[in-house]
């Protein structure tokens, strides 16, 4: 099949005088961009296909298995696809299917793998004081999934979250992010990974009291590689009217939503949530869950939520039950329940 005609982004005829007329969007068929400042071989960041960029970027680099030259394509905001359905360049993989409607998640087989975990083990202490926090965990996690880790205290949920987030290293086993081994990464490499690819949300908000909501989120956007404006992140969690309020002027639920906005402002590939509603009442907790669900749905972020609350499992694509440092069982929901329908 002939390659569709290409045009230079520098062509005067294509200069977008109005942003609404043309959008330059990155060609997302298995392209990668290396993490800035990292020397981990193959460590990269893939951007969800639903995200528009100020520039369409596809560069030859050692991280790209296809290693093809730069290609710029101008495309109108509508229709969304420049190529006819099913048409791809020779030698390139078929692009992922478009996201399904809310409540009907795509099968895991159609999503790219983000984490591959095999035999993951974490041991604390020695001798009679030894504790196996993780005991041979096998797990695959895919982009766009909303996964709930369910289990009692001490079952290993938080320890696994720390491993996935690069906060701790395992004692044994394999942990790969986008095909890159994290188990032997240096601290500098893990710092780049956490800064660019992972968003953390904890039970406690960890906001700076002397900064407004906008300024708390802005701290992250100052160091992130491709951030969204703080105002946009706060709008995603319905806090536009509270942009210039200090934490002491916000309710507990609003402070947690600021923490969510801070985590998603850097457009992470992975969002790790450790008991995000643990300190909140039911009504406020549902508002927080709605903010997390919206971020997962609109940004395509792999979202992993750990909880003791079995009711929250209904809003997930997949539920993984933990016990004694092992995956006890897992199941996939046919449809995701809306957070507003949850009661506990």
Protein backbone atom coordinates (compact mmCIF):
# COMPACT_ATOMS: atom_id res chain seq x y z
CA UNK A 1 0.00 0.00 0.00
CA UNK A 2 1.40 3.42 -0.92
CA UNK A 3 2.49 5.70 1.89
CA UNK A 4 0.12 8.67 2.30
CA UNK A 5 1.57 11.98 1.21
CA UNK A 6 3.44 13.91 3.88
CA UNK A 7 3.91 17.63 4.25
CA UNK A 8 6.44 19.71 6.11
CA UNK A 9 5.39 21.40 9.32
CA UNK A 10 7.40 24.41 8.20
CA UNK A 11 5.27 24.97 5.09
CA UNK A 12 3.76 28.50 5.21
CA UNK A 13 0.53 27.18 3.78
CA UNK A 14 0.12 24.99 6.82
CA UNK A 15 1.00 27.48 9.52
CA UNK A 16 -2.00 27.25 11.87
CA UNK A 17 -3.16 30.85 12.24
CA UNK A 18 -5.92 29.65 14.56
CA UNK A 19 -5.27 26.78 16.97
CA UNK A 20 -8.78 25.52 16.37
CA UNK A 21 -8.15 25.10 12.63
CA UNK A 22 -5.26 22.68 12.72
CA UNK A 23 -3.70 20.52 15.33
CA UNK A 24 -0.31 18.93 15.07
CA UNK A 25 -0.53 15.61 16.81
CA UNK A 26 2.17 13.10 17.51
CA UNK A 27 1.96 9.93 15.43
CA UNK A 28 1.49 7.36 18.17
CA UNK A 29 2.11 4.02 16.47
CA UNK A 30 4.68 2.57 18.86
CA UNK A 31 6.73 5.76 19.13
CA UNK A 32 8.72 6.59 22.24
CA UNK A 33 10.44 9.53 23.76
CA UNK A 34 13.44 8.98 26.10
CA UNK A 35 13.13 10.13 29.68
CA UNK A 36 15.10 13.34 30.06
CA UNK A 37 18.29 12.94 32.05
CA UNK A 38 18.00 9.18 32.35
CA UNK A 39 20.52 6.65 31.10
CA UNK A 40 18.31 3.62 31.59
CA UNK A 41 18.47 1.75 28.29
CA UNK A 42 15.07 1.81 26.74
CA UNK A 43 13.33 3.83 29.49
CA UNK A 44 10.72 5.88 27.71
CA UNK A 45 7.38 7.53 28.00
CA UNK A 46 4.50 6.69 25.72
CA UNK A 47 1.77 9.26 25.41
CA UNK A 48 -1.87 8.05 25.29
CA UNK A 49 -3.36 8.33 21.83
CA UNK A 50 -6.19 10.56 23.03
CA UNK A 51 -3.80 13.39 23.98
CA UNK A 52 -3.21 16.27 21.55
CA UNK A 53 0.19 17.95 21.51
CA UNK A 54 1.43 21.35 20.49
CA UNK A 55 3.75 19.55 18.11
CA UNK A 56 3.69 16.27 16.28
CA UNK A 57 6.98 14.56 17.12
CA UNK A 58 8.37 11.29 15.86
CA UNK A 59 12.15 11.18 15.94
CA UNK A 60 14.59 8.43 15.14
CA UNK A 61 16.23 7.41 18.37
CA UNK A 62 17.75 4.27 19.90
CA UNK A 63 14.61 3.75 21.95
CA UNK A 64 12.39 3.41 18.89
CA UNK A 65 12.27 -0.16 17.57
CA UNK A 66 11.25 1.13 14.14
CA UNK A 67 13.89 3.90 14.16
CA UNK A 68 12.18 5.83 11.40
CA UNK A 69 12.87 9.48 10.54
CA UNK A 70 10.80 12.44 11.66
CA UNK A 71 7.44 12.83 10.03
CA UNK A 72 5.07 15.73 10.35
CA UNK A 73 1.44 15.50 9.43
CA UNK A 74 -1.04 18.34 9.65
CA UNK A 75 -4.53 17.28 10.57
CA UNK A 76 -7.78 19.06 11.16
CA UNK A 77 -9.50 18.81 14.50
CA UNK A 78 -12.31 17.05 12.65
CA UNK A 79 -12.33 14.47 11.24
CA UNK A 80 -10.07 12.94 13.90
CA UNK A 81 -8.28 10.43 11.65
CA UNK A 82 -6.06 11.45 8.77
CA UNK A 83 -5.70 7.85 7.60
CA UNK A 84 -8.60 5.65 6.62
CA UNK A 85 -9.53 3.03 9.23
CA UNK A 86 -7.10 0.12 9.17
CA UNK A 87 -4.55 1.90 6.94
CA UNK A 88 -1.02 1.91 8.34
CA UNK A 89 2.40 2.50 6.87
CA UNK A 90 4.23 -0.60 5.59
CA UNK A 91 6.09 -2.40 8.34
CA UNK A 92 4.30 -0.57 11.16
CA UNK A 93 2.08 -2.20 13.79
CA UNK A 94 -1.66 -1.72 13.72
CA UNK A 95 -2.60 1.23 15.98
CA UNK A 96 -4.69 0.52 19.09
CA UNK A 97 -8.44 0.54 18.83
CA UNK A 98 -10.19 3.77 19.93
CA UNK A 99 -11.23 3.89 23.58
CA UNK A 100 -14.56 2.34 24.41
CA UNK A 101 -17.46 4.20 25.94
CA UNK A 102 -17.41 4.78 29.71
CA UNK A 103 -18.59 1.70 31.57
CA UNK A 104 -17.41 -0.68 28.84
CA UNK A 105 -13.60 -0.97 29.18
CA UNK A 106 -11.52 -2.35 26.35
CA UNK A 107 -10.15 -5.86 26.76
CA UNK A 108 -6.67 -6.01 28.28
CA UNK A 109 -5.39 -7.75 25.16
CA UNK A 110 -5.97 -4.56 23.14
CA UNK A 111 -3.92 -2.40 25.53
CA UNK A 112 -0.16 -2.00 25.67
CA UNK A 113 1.59 -3.48 28.66
CA UNK A 114 2.96 -0.97 31.16
CA UNK A 115 4.25 -3.26 33.93
CA UNK A 116 5.43 -6.85 33.81
CA UNK A 117 5.96 -8.37 37.25
CA UNK A 118 7.35 -11.87 37.69
CA UNK A 119 8.30 -13.55 40.96
CA UNK A 120 8.54 -10.20 42.76
CA UNK A 121 9.76 -10.68 46.32
CA UNK A 122 10.46 -8.20 49.10
CA UNK A 123 11.95 -9.35 52.40
CA UNK A 124 12.47 -7.18 55.46
CA UNK A 125 14.64 -8.16 58.40
CA UNK A 126 16.66 -11.31 58.99
CA UNK A 127 16.42 -14.60 60.84
CA UNK A 128 13.40 -14.98 63.11
CA UNK A 129 12.45 -11.33 62.47
CA UNK A 130 12.27 -11.85 58.70
CA UNK A 131 9.07 -10.71 56.99
CA UNK A 132 8.19 -11.57 53.39
CA UNK A 133 6.10 -8.55 52.45
CA UNK A 134 5.91 -9.78 48.84
CA UNK A 135 6.23 -13.48 48.10
CA UNK A 136 6.58 -14.21 44.37
CA UNK A 137 4.04 -11.83 42.82
CA UNK A 138 3.20 -12.33 39.11
CA UNK A 139 1.24 -9.52 37.50
CA UNK A 140 0.67 -7.65 34.22
CA UNK A 141 -0.73 -4.11 34.16
CA UNK A 142 -1.83 -2.28 31.01
CA UNK A 143 -2.30 1.31 29.94
CA UNK A 144 -5.69 2.87 30.60
CA UNK A 145 -6.72 0.28 33.18
CA UNK A 146 -8.28 1.19 36.50
CA UNK A 147 -7.11 -1.54 38.87
CA UNK A 148 -8.17 -2.00 42.49
CA UNK A 149 -5.82 -3.89 44.83
CA UNK A 150 -7.95 -5.32 47.60
CA UNK A 151 -6.78 -6.97 50.79
CA UNK A 152 -6.39 -6.64 54.57
CA UNK A 153 -3.67 -4.64 56.31
CA UNK A 154 -0.30 -6.34 56.01
CA UNK A 155 -1.18 -8.22 52.83
CA UNK A 156 1.52 -6.47 50.75
CA UNK A 157 -0.55 -3.93 48.80
CA UNK A 158 1.43 -0.85 49.81
CA UNK A 159 4.74 -2.69 49.41
CA UNK A 160 3.78 -3.54 45.82
CA UNK A 161 2.77 0.07 45.19
CA UNK A 162 6.17 1.24 46.45
CA UNK A 163 7.89 -1.17 44.06
CA UNK A 164 5.82 -0.03 41.08
CA UNK A 165 6.46 3.61 41.94
CA UNK A 166 10.22 3.24 42.20
CA UNK A 167 10.20 4.13 45.91
CA UNK A 168 11.82 0.84 46.88
CA UNK A 169 13.69 -2.00 45.21
CA UNK A 170 12.71 -5.68 45.44
CA UNK A 171 14.80 -8.38 47.06
CA UNK A 172 14.29 -10.69 44.08
CA UNK A 173 12.21 -11.08 40.95
CA UNK A 174 11.53 -9.06 37.82
CA UNK A 175 9.88 -5.66 37.56
CA UNK A 176 9.79 -4.13 34.08
CA UNK A 177 8.26 -0.80 33.05
CA UNK A 178 7.65 -0.55 29.30
CA UNK A 179 10.16 -3.36 28.86
CA UNK A 180 12.81 -1.65 30.98
CA UNK A 181 14.15 -3.44 34.06
CA UNK A 182 13.67 -1.27 37.16
CA UNK A 183 15.15 -3.73 39.63
CA UNK A 184 18.73 -2.67 38.87
CA UNK A 185 18.16 1.03 38.22
CA UNK A 186 20.29 3.60 40.03
CA UNK A 187 18.76 6.18 42.35
CA UNK A 188 19.22 8.88 39.70
CA UNK A 189 17.40 6.75 37.14
CA UNK A 190 14.59 6.01 39.58
CA UNK A 191 14.29 9.73 40.33
CA UNK A 192 13.80 10.48 36.63
CA UNK A 193 11.27 7.67 36.41
CA UNK A 194 9.26 8.95 39.39
CA UNK A 195 9.44 12.56 38.21
CA UNK A 196 8.27 11.93 34.66
CA UNK A 197 6.15 8.80 34.66
CA UNK A 198 4.47 8.30 38.04
CA UNK A 199 1.90 10.28 40.01
CA UNK A 200 1.39 9.50 43.72
CA UNK A 201 -1.75 10.05 45.77
CA UNK A 202 -1.67 9.15 49.45
CA UNK A 203 -4.23 9.02 52.23
CA UNK A 204 -2.85 12.29 53.61
CA UNK A 205 -2.79 15.26 51.30
CA UNK A 206 0.77 16.58 51.89
CA UNK A 207 -0.10 20.08 50.69
CA UNK A 208 2.08 23.06 51.57
CA UNK A 209 -0.06 25.22 53.91
CA UNK A 210 1.40 28.56 52.78
CA UNK A 211 0.60 27.95 49.09
CA UNK A 212 -2.75 28.20 47.32
CA UNK A 213 -4.28 25.28 45.44
CA UNK A 214 -2.93 26.71 42.19
CA UNK A 215 0.55 27.14 43.66
CA UNK A 216 0.61 23.64 45.18
CA UNK A 217 -0.10 22.17 41.75
CA UNK A 218 2.32 24.60 40.12
CA UNK A 219 5.21 23.14 42.12
CA UNK A 220 4.97 20.00 40.01
CA UNK A 221 4.50 21.77 36.69
CA UNK A 222 7.76 23.66 37.26
CA UNK A 223 9.82 20.45 37.12
CA UNK A 224 7.67 18.17 34.94
CA UNK A 225 8.59 17.46 31.33
CA UNK A 226 5.24 18.01 29.62
CA UNK A 227 2.84 19.43 32.22
CA UNK A 228 -0.65 20.75 31.85
CA UNK A 229 -1.38 24.21 33.33
CA UNK A 230 -2.37 24.08 37.02
CA UNK A 231 -5.72 25.59 36.14
CA UNK A 232 -6.44 22.73 33.72
CA UNK A 233 -5.48 20.09 36.27
CA UNK A 234 -7.70 21.68 38.93
CA UNK A 235 -10.56 21.94 36.46
CA UNK A 236 -10.34 18.15 35.90
CA UNK A 237 -11.14 17.67 39.59
CA UNK A 238 -13.84 20.40 39.59
CA UNK A 239 -11.89 22.92 41.69
CA UNK A 240 -11.83 25.95 39.40
CA UNK A 241 -13.68 28.08 42.01
CA UNK A 242 -10.97 27.22 44.59
CA UNK A 243 -7.85 28.08 42.59
CA UNK A 244 -6.59 30.72 45.02
CA UNK A 245 -7.71 29.17 48.29
CA UNK A 246 -5.19 27.96 50.85
CA UNK A 247 -5.40 24.40 52.25
CA UNK A 248 -6.85 25.70 55.55
CA UNK A 249 -9.73 27.19 53.55
CA UNK A 250 -10.55 23.87 51.87
CA UNK A 251 -12.47 20.84 53.11
CA UNK A 252 -10.76 17.46 53.42
CA UNK A 253 -12.24 16.30 50.13
CA UNK A 254 -11.15 19.47 48.36
CA UNK A 255 -7.61 19.10 49.71
CA UNK A 256 -7.50 15.52 48.42
CA UNK A 257 -8.68 16.72 45.02
CA UNK A 258 -5.87 19.29 44.99
CA UNK A 259 -3.48 16.39 45.68
CA UNK A 260 -5.02 14.50 42.73
CA UNK A 261 -4.65 17.56 40.48
CA UNK A 262 -1.01 17.85 41.56
CA UNK A 263 -0.41 14.21 40.64
CA UNK A 264 -2.07 14.36 37.21
CA UNK A 265 -0.66 17.78 36.23
CA UNK A 266 2.54 16.20 34.92
CA UNK A 267 0.52 13.82 32.68
CA UNK A 268 1.87 10.64 34.30
CA UNK A 269 1.61 7.25 32.65
CA UNK A 270 0.91 5.67 36.03
CA UNK A 271 -1.23 6.95 38.91
CA UNK A 272 -0.67 5.16 42.23
CA UNK A 273 -3.31 5.77 44.90
CA UNK A 274 -2.79 4.51 48.46
CA UNK A 275 -6.10 4.62 50.37
CA UNK A 276 -7.08 8.01 48.85
CA UNK A 277 -10.47 8.02 50.62
CA UNK A 278 -9.31 6.53 53.93
CA UNK A 279 -9.62 9.81 55.87
CA UNK A 280 -12.88 10.93 54.23
CA UNK A 281 -16.59 10.39 54.84
CA UNK A 282 -18.66 8.50 52.28
CA UNK A 283 -20.05 11.50 50.40
CA UNK A 284 -16.67 13.21 50.15
CA UNK A 285 -14.99 9.92 49.27
CA UNK A 286 -17.31 9.46 46.30
CA UNK A 287 -16.39 12.94 45.00
CA UNK A 288 -12.70 11.99 45.21
CA UNK A 289 -13.34 8.68 43.42
CA UNK A 290 -15.19 10.56 40.67
CA UNK A 291 -12.11 12.77 40.20
CA UNK A 292 -9.85 9.70 39.94
CA UNK A 293 -12.20 7.97 37.50
CA UNK A 294 -12.37 11.06 35.30
CA UNK A 295 -8.57 11.39 35.23
CA UNK A 296 -8.28 7.71 34.27
CA UNK A 297 -10.91 8.00 31.55
CA UNK A 298 -9.87 11.31 29.99
CA UNK A 299 -6.08 11.02 30.27
CA UNK A 300 -5.77 7.27 29.64
CA UNK A 301 -3.60 6.88 32.74
CA UNK A 302 -3.03 3.45 34.25
CA UNK A 303 -4.60 3.95 37.68
CA UNK A 304 -3.88 1.59 40.58
CA UNK A 305 -5.92 2.09 43.72
CA UNK A 306 -5.36 0.15 46.92
CA UNK A 307 -8.09 -0.09 49.54
CA UNK A 308 -9.68 -2.21 52.25
CA UNK A 309 -13.11 -1.22 50.96
CA UNK A 310 -14.53 -4.03 48.78
CA UNK A 311 -17.28 -1.75 47.45
CA UNK A 312 -14.73 0.24 45.44
CA UNK A 313 -13.96 -2.88 43.43
CA UNK A 314 -17.14 -2.26 41.43
CA UNK A 315 -15.66 0.84 39.75
CA UNK A 316 -12.57 -1.00 38.48
CA UNK A 317 -11.72 -2.71 35.22
CA UNK A 318 -9.89 -5.36 37.20
CA UNK A 319 -9.79 -6.35 40.87
CA UNK A 320 -6.72 -8.07 42.35
CA UNK A 321 -7.07 -9.70 45.78
CA UNK A 322 -3.94 -9.78 47.95
CA UNK A 323 -3.18 -11.98 50.94
CA UNK A 324 0.13 -12.73 52.71
CA UNK A 325 2.20 -11.00 50.04
CA UNK A 326 0.69 -12.96 47.16
CA UNK A 327 -1.99 -12.51 44.53
CA UNK A 328 -4.83 -14.62 45.88
CA UNK A 329 -7.13 -14.21 42.89
CA UNK A 330 -8.27 -11.61 40.38
CA UNK A 331 -11.35 -10.92 38.33
CA UNK A 332 -12.44 -8.47 35.64
CA UNK A 333 -15.68 -6.52 35.82
CA UNK A 334 -17.91 -6.69 32.74
CA UNK A 335 -18.66 -2.98 33.21
CA UNK A 336 -17.35 -0.30 35.52
CA UNK A 337 -19.80 1.09 38.06
CA UNK A 338 -20.01 4.86 38.33
CA UNK A 339 -18.54 6.09 41.63
CA UNK A 340 -21.78 7.92 42.37
CA UNK A 341 -23.57 4.55 42.61
CA UNK A 342 -21.25 3.17 45.29
CA UNK A 343 -22.46 2.88 48.88
CA UNK A 344 -20.55 1.71 51.92
